[in-house]
Every structure is written in structure tokens, then in C-alpha cells.
């Protein structure tokens, strides 16, 4: 975990929450491509972990990266137990927003922008849009359309 501060003030913290070890892997991938992502921490949730343990670990992670500018929580799967624990962080105790469907392009974007100016809701909207734009079909990118015969 890296906690940083730009000269213009505290940056919005980042918590990445996933099933299994994907959160660690995603942040490791960003570090390998662009360097460590400041003020970020992974929370990898195991299948045998209790909801209360998950809730506690996400809360601690938010406390760790929130330097006063709030937190954006990126979670892998809407409706899951980790998602429910993330949503509990929107209790009004800090500026926070949750984005479902975390992907690597979202995290790479975070590594290239100043996280001191936007507030968590603005940053979350930007990340949602980046994540959506990054999901493409190969045929859209090549211009080739592939047709398959469907046996009925």
C-alpha cells in the first residue's frame, strides 16, 4: 500500500475490493505498468470470510487511505457480499462512492490523474465512464465481423 499527498492537498483514497486475490493482482499490474498507485489498498475477500470480517477490513482500508479528501471504493461484483460491505461505507461518516465492475483501465486512469481536485462522486463517475469505454468486442476494433452458423 502506498499513501501519498500532492502539494495541492490530500488526494482521494482508493480501496479495491474483489473476490480472491484479484485486488492485489490489479494493483500489482498498475505498479508494473505505471508505478505504484498512491493512497491505494487492496482488499481481497476469501470465500470463507464472514461478512463482519469483510466489513471490518474494508472499513480499516478506508480509514488507512482517507487523508481527508474521501475514498472511492472499486468492487468487482454488484450484489455480492463484498459489494454489500462496500455499500455500508456510504454511511455518511466520510466522503465516499462505490463503483462496481473494477477493471485495469480504471486503475490506469487513476495513476495518470491528479486525485486532489475531484471529489469522490466526480472521480467515481470518471472511472465508471473509463471502465465502460474499455469494454469492447474485437470485431469493433478490427472492423471484421465474424458470423457463426448456429445449429438448431
N, C-alpha and C. Protein backbone atom coordinates (compact mmCIF):
# COMPACT_ATOMS: atom_id res chain seq x y z
N UNK A 1 0.84 -1.17 0.00
CA UNK A 1 0.00 0.00 0.00
C UNK A 1 0.88 1.22 0.00
N UNK A 2 0.47 2.21 -0.77
CA UNK A 2 1.21 3.46 -0.84
C UNK A 2 0.25 4.59 -0.50
N UNK A 3 0.63 5.43 0.46
CA UNK A 3 -0.20 6.58 0.82
C UNK A 3 0.57 7.81 0.41
N UNK A 4 -0.05 8.67 -0.38
CA UNK A 4 0.65 9.84 -0.88
C UNK A 4 -0.16 11.09 -0.72
N UNK A 5 0.50 12.22 -0.95
CA UNK A 5 -0.15 13.52 -0.84
C UNK A 5 0.50 14.44 -1.86
N UNK A 6 -0.30 15.04 -2.72
CA UNK A 6 0.20 16.03 -3.66
C UNK A 6 0.25 17.37 -2.96
N UNK A 7 0.94 18.34 -3.55
CA UNK A 7 1.09 19.65 -2.92
C UNK A 7 -0.22 20.42 -2.84
N UNK A 8 -1.20 20.10 -3.67
CA UNK A 8 -2.46 20.83 -3.65
C UNK A 8 -3.42 20.33 -2.58
N UNK A 9 -3.00 19.39 -1.76
CA UNK A 9 -3.85 18.90 -0.69
C UNK A 9 -3.96 17.40 -0.72
N UNK A 10 -4.78 16.84 0.18
CA UNK A 10 -4.91 15.39 0.25
C UNK A 10 -5.60 14.84 -0.99
N UNK A 11 -5.23 13.64 -1.37
CA UNK A 11 -5.85 13.00 -2.53
C UNK A 11 -6.95 12.05 -2.08
N UNK A 12 -7.87 11.81 -2.98
CA UNK A 12 -8.93 10.84 -2.73
C UNK A 12 -8.28 9.47 -2.63
N UNK A 13 -8.59 8.76 -1.56
CA UNK A 13 -8.06 7.42 -1.36
C UNK A 13 -8.79 6.40 -2.21
N UNK A 14 -8.16 5.27 -2.40
CA UNK A 14 -8.72 4.22 -3.23
C UNK A 14 -8.65 2.88 -2.51
N UNK A 15 -9.78 2.18 -2.48
CA UNK A 15 -9.83 0.82 -1.94
C UNK A 15 -10.38 -0.06 -3.06
N UNK A 16 -9.64 -1.12 -3.39
CA UNK A 16 -10.06 -2.07 -4.43
C UNK A 16 -10.45 -3.36 -3.72
N UNK A 17 -11.72 -3.77 -3.90
CA UNK A 17 -12.27 -4.93 -3.20
C UNK A 17 -12.70 -5.97 -4.22
N UNK A 18 -12.14 -7.18 -4.09
CA UNK A 18 -12.51 -8.26 -5.02
C UNK A 18 -12.58 -9.60 -4.29
N UNK A 19 -13.21 -10.54 -4.94
CA UNK A 19 -13.18 -11.93 -4.51
C UNK A 19 -11.79 -12.48 -4.84
N UNK A 20 -11.29 -13.38 -4.00
CA UNK A 20 -9.98 -13.97 -4.26
C UNK A 20 -8.90 -12.91 -4.22
N UNK A 21 -7.83 -13.13 -4.94
CA UNK A 21 -6.68 -12.23 -4.91
C UNK A 21 -6.64 -11.21 -6.02
N UNK A 22 -7.74 -11.00 -6.71
CA UNK A 22 -7.74 -10.11 -7.87
C UNK A 22 -7.38 -8.67 -7.52
N UNK A 23 -7.78 -8.19 -6.35
CA UNK A 23 -7.47 -6.80 -5.97
C UNK A 23 -5.96 -6.59 -5.91
N UNK A 24 -5.26 -7.52 -5.28
CA UNK A 24 -3.80 -7.44 -5.20
C UNK A 24 -3.19 -7.48 -6.60
N UNK A 25 -3.69 -8.38 -7.43
CA UNK A 25 -3.16 -8.53 -8.79
C UNK A 25 -3.38 -7.28 -9.63
N UNK A 26 -4.56 -6.68 -9.52
CA UNK A 26 -4.83 -5.47 -10.28
C UNK A 26 -3.89 -4.33 -9.88
N UNK A 27 -3.70 -4.13 -8.58
CA UNK A 27 -2.80 -3.06 -8.14
C UNK A 27 -1.35 -3.39 -8.48
N UNK A 28 -0.98 -4.66 -8.46
CA UNK A 28 0.37 -5.06 -8.89
C UNK A 28 0.56 -4.78 -10.38
N UNK A 29 -0.47 -5.02 -11.18
CA UNK A 29 -0.38 -4.75 -12.61
C UNK A 29 -0.17 -3.27 -12.88
N UNK A 30 -0.91 -2.42 -12.19
CA UNK A 30 -0.74 -0.98 -12.34
C UNK A 30 0.68 -0.58 -11.96
N UNK A 31 1.17 -1.11 -10.84
CA UNK A 31 2.52 -0.80 -10.39
C UNK A 31 3.55 -1.22 -11.43
N UNK A 32 3.34 -2.36 -12.08
CA UNK A 32 4.25 -2.83 -13.10
C UNK A 32 4.24 -1.98 -14.36
N UNK A 33 3.10 -1.38 -14.66
CA UNK A 33 2.96 -0.58 -15.88
C UNK A 33 3.35 0.88 -15.66
N UNK A 34 2.82 1.49 -14.59
CA UNK A 34 3.00 2.93 -14.36
C UNK A 34 3.61 3.29 -13.02
N UNK A 35 3.90 2.30 -12.20
CA UNK A 35 4.41 2.56 -10.87
C UNK A 35 3.30 2.43 -9.85
N UNK A 36 3.68 2.39 -8.57
CA UNK A 36 2.67 2.22 -7.51
C UNK A 36 1.61 3.31 -7.53
N UNK A 37 0.40 2.92 -7.25
CA UNK A 37 -0.73 3.84 -7.19
C UNK A 37 -0.83 4.39 -5.78
N UNK A 38 -0.54 5.69 -5.60
CA UNK A 38 -0.55 6.25 -4.24
C UNK A 38 -1.93 6.17 -3.58
N UNK A 39 -1.93 6.13 -2.27
CA UNK A 39 -3.15 6.15 -1.45
C UNK A 39 -4.14 5.09 -1.89
N UNK A 40 -3.63 3.88 -2.13
CA UNK A 40 -4.50 2.79 -2.56
C UNK A 40 -4.19 1.54 -1.74
N UNK A 41 -5.21 0.73 -1.55
CA UNK A 41 -5.03 -0.51 -0.81
C UNK A 41 -5.99 -1.57 -1.36
N UNK A 42 -5.49 -2.81 -1.52
CA UNK A 42 -6.37 -3.89 -1.96
C UNK A 42 -7.04 -4.57 -0.76
N UNK A 43 -8.24 -5.05 -0.98
CA UNK A 43 -8.91 -5.92 -0.01
C UNK A 43 -9.39 -7.12 -0.81
N UNK A 44 -8.71 -8.23 -0.63
CA UNK A 44 -9.07 -9.47 -1.30
C UNK A 44 -9.88 -10.33 -0.32
N UNK A 45 -11.09 -10.66 -0.71
CA UNK A 45 -12.03 -11.35 0.17
C UNK A 45 -12.05 -12.84 -0.18
N UNK A 46 -11.81 -13.67 0.82
CA UNK A 46 -11.87 -15.12 0.60
C UNK A 46 -13.31 -15.60 0.74
N UNK A 47 -13.58 -16.73 0.14
CA UNK A 47 -14.95 -17.27 0.15
C UNK A 47 -15.39 -17.71 1.54
N UNK A 48 -14.46 -18.02 2.43
CA UNK A 48 -14.84 -18.48 3.76
C UNK A 48 -14.84 -17.36 4.80
N UNK A 49 -14.60 -16.15 4.36
CA UNK A 49 -14.58 -14.99 5.27
C UNK A 49 -16.00 -14.59 5.64
N UNK A 50 -16.21 -14.21 6.89
CA UNK A 50 -17.55 -13.76 7.31
C UNK A 50 -17.81 -12.35 6.82
N UNK A 51 -19.08 -12.01 6.72
CA UNK A 51 -19.47 -10.67 6.30
C UNK A 51 -18.90 -9.63 7.27
N UNK A 52 -18.97 -9.90 8.56
CA UNK A 52 -18.47 -8.94 9.55
C UNK A 52 -16.97 -8.71 9.40
N UNK A 53 -16.22 -9.78 9.11
CA UNK A 53 -14.78 -9.63 8.89
C UNK A 53 -14.51 -8.78 7.65
N UNK A 54 -15.27 -9.03 6.59
CA UNK A 54 -15.11 -8.25 5.35
C UNK A 54 -15.43 -6.78 5.62
N UNK A 55 -16.51 -6.55 6.30
CA UNK A 55 -16.92 -5.19 6.64
C UNK A 55 -15.83 -4.47 7.44
N UNK A 56 -15.27 -5.16 8.41
CA UNK A 56 -14.22 -4.57 9.24
C UNK A 56 -12.97 -4.26 8.41
N UNK A 57 -12.57 -5.20 7.54
CA UNK A 57 -11.36 -4.98 6.75
C UNK A 57 -11.53 -3.84 5.75
N UNK A 58 -12.70 -3.72 5.16
CA UNK A 58 -12.95 -2.61 4.22
C UNK A 58 -12.97 -1.29 4.98
N UNK A 59 -13.57 -1.28 6.15
CA UNK A 59 -13.57 -0.07 6.97
C UNK A 59 -12.17 0.37 7.35
N UNK A 60 -11.33 -0.58 7.75
CA UNK A 60 -9.93 -0.26 8.08
C UNK A 60 -9.18 0.25 6.86
N UNK A 61 -9.44 -0.35 5.70
CA UNK A 61 -8.78 0.09 4.47
C UNK A 61 -9.18 1.53 4.13
N UNK A 62 -10.46 1.84 4.28
CA UNK A 62 -10.93 3.21 4.03
C UNK A 62 -10.26 4.20 4.98
N UNK A 63 -10.18 3.83 6.25
CA UNK A 63 -9.53 4.69 7.24
C UNK A 63 -8.06 4.92 6.88
N UNK A 64 -7.42 3.89 6.38
CA UNK A 64 -6.00 3.96 6.06
C UNK A 64 -5.70 4.92 4.92
N UNK A 65 -6.54 4.94 3.89
CA UNK A 65 -6.25 5.77 2.70
C UNK A 65 -6.96 7.11 2.69
N UNK A 66 -7.88 7.33 3.61
CA UNK A 66 -8.61 8.61 3.62
C UNK A 66 -7.81 9.65 4.39
N UNK A 67 -7.18 10.56 3.65
CA UNK A 67 -6.39 11.63 4.25
C UNK A 67 -7.21 12.91 4.40
N UNK A 68 -8.54 12.79 4.24
CA UNK A 68 -9.41 13.94 4.38
C UNK A 68 -10.17 14.31 3.13
N UNK A 69 -9.80 13.71 1.99
CA UNK A 69 -10.47 14.02 0.73
C UNK A 69 -11.54 12.99 0.37
N UNK A 70 -11.65 11.93 1.17
CA UNK A 70 -12.64 10.90 0.90
C UNK A 70 -12.03 9.69 0.23
N UNK A 71 -12.92 8.78 -0.17
CA UNK A 71 -12.50 7.49 -0.69
C UNK A 71 -13.40 7.07 -1.85
N UNK A 72 -12.79 6.46 -2.85
CA UNK A 72 -13.53 5.74 -3.88
C UNK A 72 -13.23 4.27 -3.67
N UNK A 73 -14.29 3.47 -3.63
CA UNK A 73 -14.16 2.03 -3.44
C UNK A 73 -14.57 1.36 -4.74
N UNK A 74 -13.64 0.60 -5.31
CA UNK A 74 -13.92 -0.15 -6.53
C UNK A 74 -14.13 -1.61 -6.15
N UNK A 75 -15.26 -2.17 -6.52
CA UNK A 75 -15.59 -3.54 -6.15
C UNK A 75 -15.88 -4.34 -7.42
N UNK A 76 -15.64 -5.64 -7.36
CA UNK A 76 -15.75 -6.44 -8.58
C UNK A 76 -17.17 -6.79 -8.98
N UNK A 77 -18.05 -7.12 -8.05
CA UNK A 77 -19.32 -7.71 -8.43
C UNK A 77 -20.50 -7.11 -7.65
N UNK A 78 -21.38 -6.45 -8.36
CA UNK A 78 -22.57 -5.87 -7.74
C UNK A 78 -23.44 -6.97 -7.16
N UNK A 79 -23.97 -6.71 -5.98
CA UNK A 79 -24.89 -7.63 -5.33
C UNK A 79 -24.23 -8.65 -4.42
N UNK A 80 -22.91 -8.80 -4.54
CA UNK A 80 -22.19 -9.79 -3.74
C UNK A 80 -22.04 -9.32 -2.29
N UNK A 81 -21.58 -10.22 -1.43
CA UNK A 81 -21.32 -9.83 -0.05
C UNK A 81 -20.25 -8.73 0.05
N UNK A 82 -19.13 -8.83 -0.68
CA UNK A 82 -18.17 -7.72 -0.64
C UNK A 82 -18.80 -6.40 -1.09
N UNK A 83 -19.65 -6.45 -2.10
CA UNK A 83 -20.36 -5.25 -2.55
C UNK A 83 -21.22 -4.68 -1.41
N UNK A 84 -21.95 -5.55 -0.71
CA UNK A 84 -22.80 -5.09 0.39
C UNK A 84 -21.96 -4.43 1.48
N UNK A 85 -20.78 -4.99 1.75
CA UNK A 85 -19.88 -4.40 2.75
C UNK A 85 -19.36 -3.05 2.26
N UNK A 86 -19.07 -2.93 0.98
CA UNK A 86 -18.62 -1.65 0.42
C UNK A 86 -19.73 -0.60 0.54
N UNK A 87 -20.94 -1.00 0.23
CA UNK A 87 -22.06 -0.06 0.30
C UNK A 87 -22.29 0.44 1.72
N UNK A 88 -21.93 -0.36 2.71
CA UNK A 88 -22.05 0.06 4.10
C UNK A 88 -21.11 1.22 4.42
N UNK A 89 -20.08 1.42 3.60
CA UNK A 89 -19.15 2.53 3.82
C UNK A 89 -19.76 3.87 3.43
N UNK A 90 -20.90 3.84 2.75
CA UNK A 90 -21.60 5.07 2.36
C UNK A 90 -22.55 5.49 3.48
N UNK A 91 -22.04 5.48 4.71
CA UNK A 91 -22.86 5.76 5.88
C UNK A 91 -22.84 7.22 6.30
N UNK A 92 -22.17 8.07 5.53
CA UNK A 92 -22.12 9.49 5.85
C UNK A 92 -20.95 9.88 6.74
N UNK A 93 -20.13 8.92 7.15
CA UNK A 93 -19.00 9.23 8.02
C UNK A 93 -17.82 9.84 7.26
N UNK A 94 -17.83 9.73 5.95
CA UNK A 94 -16.77 10.31 5.11
C UNK A 94 -17.33 10.50 3.71
N UNK A 95 -16.66 11.32 2.93
CA UNK A 95 -16.99 11.44 1.52
C UNK A 95 -16.56 10.15 0.85
N UNK A 96 -17.50 9.46 0.21
CA UNK A 96 -17.17 8.17 -0.39
C UNK A 96 -18.14 7.86 -1.53
N UNK A 97 -17.67 7.01 -2.45
CA UNK A 97 -18.51 6.49 -3.51
C UNK A 97 -18.01 5.09 -3.86
N UNK A 98 -18.93 4.25 -4.32
CA UNK A 98 -18.63 2.88 -4.70
C UNK A 98 -18.87 2.74 -6.20
N UNK A 99 -17.92 2.08 -6.89
CA UNK A 99 -18.07 1.77 -8.31
C UNK A 99 -17.97 0.26 -8.46
N UNK A 100 -18.94 -0.34 -9.12
CA UNK A 100 -18.95 -1.79 -9.35
C UNK A 100 -18.34 -2.11 -10.71
N UNK A 101 -17.66 -3.25 -10.79
CA UNK A 101 -17.10 -3.70 -12.05
C UNK A 101 -15.68 -3.21 -12.29
N UNK A 102 -14.86 -3.21 -11.26
CA UNK A 102 -13.49 -2.71 -11.37
C UNK A 102 -12.75 -3.41 -12.52
N UNK A 103 -11.97 -2.63 -13.26
CA UNK A 103 -11.11 -3.22 -14.29
C UNK A 103 -9.80 -2.43 -14.37
N UNK A 104 -8.82 -3.00 -15.04
CA UNK A 104 -7.49 -2.41 -15.11
C UNK A 104 -7.48 -1.02 -15.74
N UNK A 105 -8.24 -0.74 -16.82
CA UNK A 105 -8.24 0.62 -17.36
C UNK A 105 -8.66 1.69 -16.35
N UNK A 106 -9.59 1.36 -15.45
CA UNK A 106 -9.97 2.32 -14.41
C UNK A 106 -8.77 2.67 -13.54
N UNK A 107 -8.02 1.66 -13.14
CA UNK A 107 -6.88 1.88 -12.26
C UNK A 107 -5.75 2.60 -12.97
N UNK A 108 -5.55 2.29 -14.23
CA UNK A 108 -4.52 3.01 -15.00
C UNK A 108 -4.88 4.49 -15.13
N UNK A 109 -6.15 4.77 -15.31
CA UNK A 109 -6.60 6.17 -15.37
C UNK A 109 -6.27 6.88 -14.05
N UNK A 110 -6.54 6.22 -12.94
CA UNK A 110 -6.25 6.81 -11.63
C UNK A 110 -4.77 7.14 -11.47
N UNK A 111 -3.92 6.34 -12.11
CA UNK A 111 -2.47 6.56 -11.99
C UNK A 111 -2.00 7.75 -12.82
N UNK A 112 -2.86 8.26 -13.70
CA UNK A 112 -2.44 9.34 -14.60
C UNK A 112 -3.13 10.67 -14.32
N UNK A 113 -3.94 10.75 -13.27
CA UNK A 113 -4.65 12.00 -12.98
C UNK A 113 -4.33 12.47 -11.57
N UNK A 114 -4.56 13.75 -11.34
CA UNK A 114 -4.41 14.34 -10.01
C UNK A 114 -5.67 14.02 -9.22
N UNK A 115 -5.53 13.27 -8.14
CA UNK A 115 -6.68 12.87 -7.33
C UNK A 115 -6.94 13.84 -6.19
N UNK A 116 -6.36 15.03 -6.23
CA UNK A 116 -6.58 16.02 -5.17
C UNK A 116 -7.77 16.93 -5.46
N UNK A 117 -8.05 17.17 -6.71
CA UNK A 117 -9.12 18.11 -7.06
C UNK A 117 -10.52 17.50 -7.07
N UNK A 118 -10.74 16.42 -7.82
CA UNK A 118 -12.11 15.90 -7.86
C UNK A 118 -12.51 15.28 -6.53
N UNK A 119 -13.77 15.38 -6.21
CA UNK A 119 -14.33 14.72 -5.03
C UNK A 119 -14.68 13.28 -5.40
N UNK A 120 -14.89 12.42 -4.42
CA UNK A 120 -15.19 11.02 -4.72
C UNK A 120 -16.32 10.80 -5.73
N UNK A 121 -17.46 11.50 -5.65
CA UNK A 121 -18.51 11.25 -6.66
C UNK A 121 -18.07 11.59 -8.08
N UNK A 122 -17.32 12.68 -8.25
CA UNK A 122 -16.84 13.07 -9.58
C UNK A 122 -15.82 12.06 -10.10
N UNK A 123 -14.93 11.64 -9.24
CA UNK A 123 -13.91 10.67 -9.61
C UNK A 123 -14.57 9.33 -9.96
N UNK A 124 -15.56 8.94 -9.20
CA UNK A 124 -16.27 7.68 -9.45
C UNK A 124 -16.96 7.70 -10.81
N UNK A 125 -17.58 8.81 -11.17
CA UNK A 125 -18.23 8.93 -12.48
C UNK A 125 -17.21 8.81 -13.60
N UNK A 126 -16.05 9.45 -13.45
CA UNK A 126 -14.98 9.35 -14.44
C UNK A 126 -14.55 7.90 -14.61
N UNK A 127 -14.34 7.20 -13.49
CA UNK A 127 -13.90 5.82 -13.55
C UNK A 127 -14.95 4.91 -14.18
N UNK A 128 -16.20 5.14 -13.86
CA UNK A 128 -17.28 4.36 -14.48
C UNK A 128 -17.25 4.53 -15.99
N UNK A 129 -17.08 5.76 -16.45
CA UNK A 129 -17.05 6.02 -17.89
C UNK A 129 -15.84 5.39 -18.57
N UNK A 130 -14.67 5.48 -17.93
CA UNK A 130 -13.46 4.84 -18.46
C UNK A 130 -13.65 3.33 -18.54
N UNK A 131 -14.19 2.75 -17.48
CA UNK A 131 -14.42 1.30 -17.46
C UNK A 131 -15.37 0.87 -18.56
N UNK A 132 -16.43 1.61 -18.76
CA UNK A 132 -17.40 1.28 -19.82
C UNK A 132 -16.76 1.36 -21.20
N UNK A 133 -16.01 2.42 -21.44
CA UNK A 133 -15.37 2.59 -22.75
C UNK A 133 -14.34 1.52 -23.04
N UNK A 134 -13.77 0.92 -22.01
CA UNK A 134 -12.71 -0.07 -22.20
C UNK A 134 -13.25 -1.45 -22.57
N UNK A 135 -14.53 -1.67 -22.43
CA UNK A 135 -15.12 -2.97 -22.74
C UNK A 135 -15.55 -2.95 -24.20
N UNK A 136 -14.83 -3.72 -25.01
CA UNK A 136 -15.06 -3.69 -26.46
C UNK A 136 -15.04 -5.10 -27.03
N UNK A 137 -15.65 -5.26 -28.16
CA UNK A 137 -15.57 -6.50 -28.92
C UNK A 137 -14.41 -6.38 -29.90
N UNK A 138 -13.69 -7.48 -30.11
CA UNK A 138 -12.58 -7.46 -31.06
C UNK A 138 -13.02 -7.03 -32.44
N UNK A 139 -14.21 -7.46 -32.86
CA UNK A 139 -14.69 -7.09 -34.20
C UNK A 139 -14.95 -5.60 -34.31
N UNK A 140 -15.26 -4.93 -33.21
CA UNK A 140 -15.43 -3.47 -33.24
C UNK A 140 -14.11 -2.78 -33.52
N UNK A 141 -13.04 -3.37 -33.01
CA UNK A 141 -11.72 -2.75 -33.15
C UNK A 141 -11.08 -3.04 -34.49
N UNK A 142 -11.40 -4.18 -35.09
CA UNK A 142 -10.79 -4.56 -36.36
C UNK A 142 -11.65 -4.22 -37.56
N UNK A 143 -12.93 -4.04 -37.32
CA UNK A 143 -13.86 -3.80 -38.42
C UNK A 143 -14.31 -5.09 -39.09
N UNK A 144 -13.78 -6.22 -38.63
CA UNK A 144 -14.16 -7.52 -39.19
C UNK A 144 -15.34 -8.07 -38.39
N UNK A 145 -16.28 -8.57 -39.10
CA UNK A 145 -17.43 -9.19 -38.45
C UNK A 145 -17.32 -10.69 -38.65
N UNK A 146 -17.48 -11.43 -37.60
CA UNK A 146 -17.41 -12.88 -37.65
C UNK A 146 -18.81 -13.43 -37.45
N UNK A 147 -19.22 -14.26 -38.43
CA UNK A 147 -20.53 -14.90 -38.34
C UNK A 147 -20.33 -16.37 -38.06
N UNK A 148 -21.12 -16.90 -37.19
CA UNK A 148 -21.10 -18.34 -36.90
C UNK A 148 -22.46 -18.90 -37.26
N UNK A 149 -22.42 -20.12 -37.79
CA UNK A 149 -23.69 -20.80 -38.02
C UNK A 149 -24.13 -21.40 -36.70
N UNK A 150 -25.37 -21.26 -36.42
CA UNK A 150 -25.92 -21.81 -35.19
C UNK A 150 -26.72 -23.05 -35.53
N UNK A 151 -26.32 -24.16 -34.93
CA UNK A 151 -27.07 -25.40 -35.13
C UNK A 151 -28.33 -25.33 -34.27
N UNK A 152 -29.44 -25.60 -34.92
CA UNK A 152 -30.70 -25.60 -34.18
C UNK A 152 -31.35 -26.91 -34.24
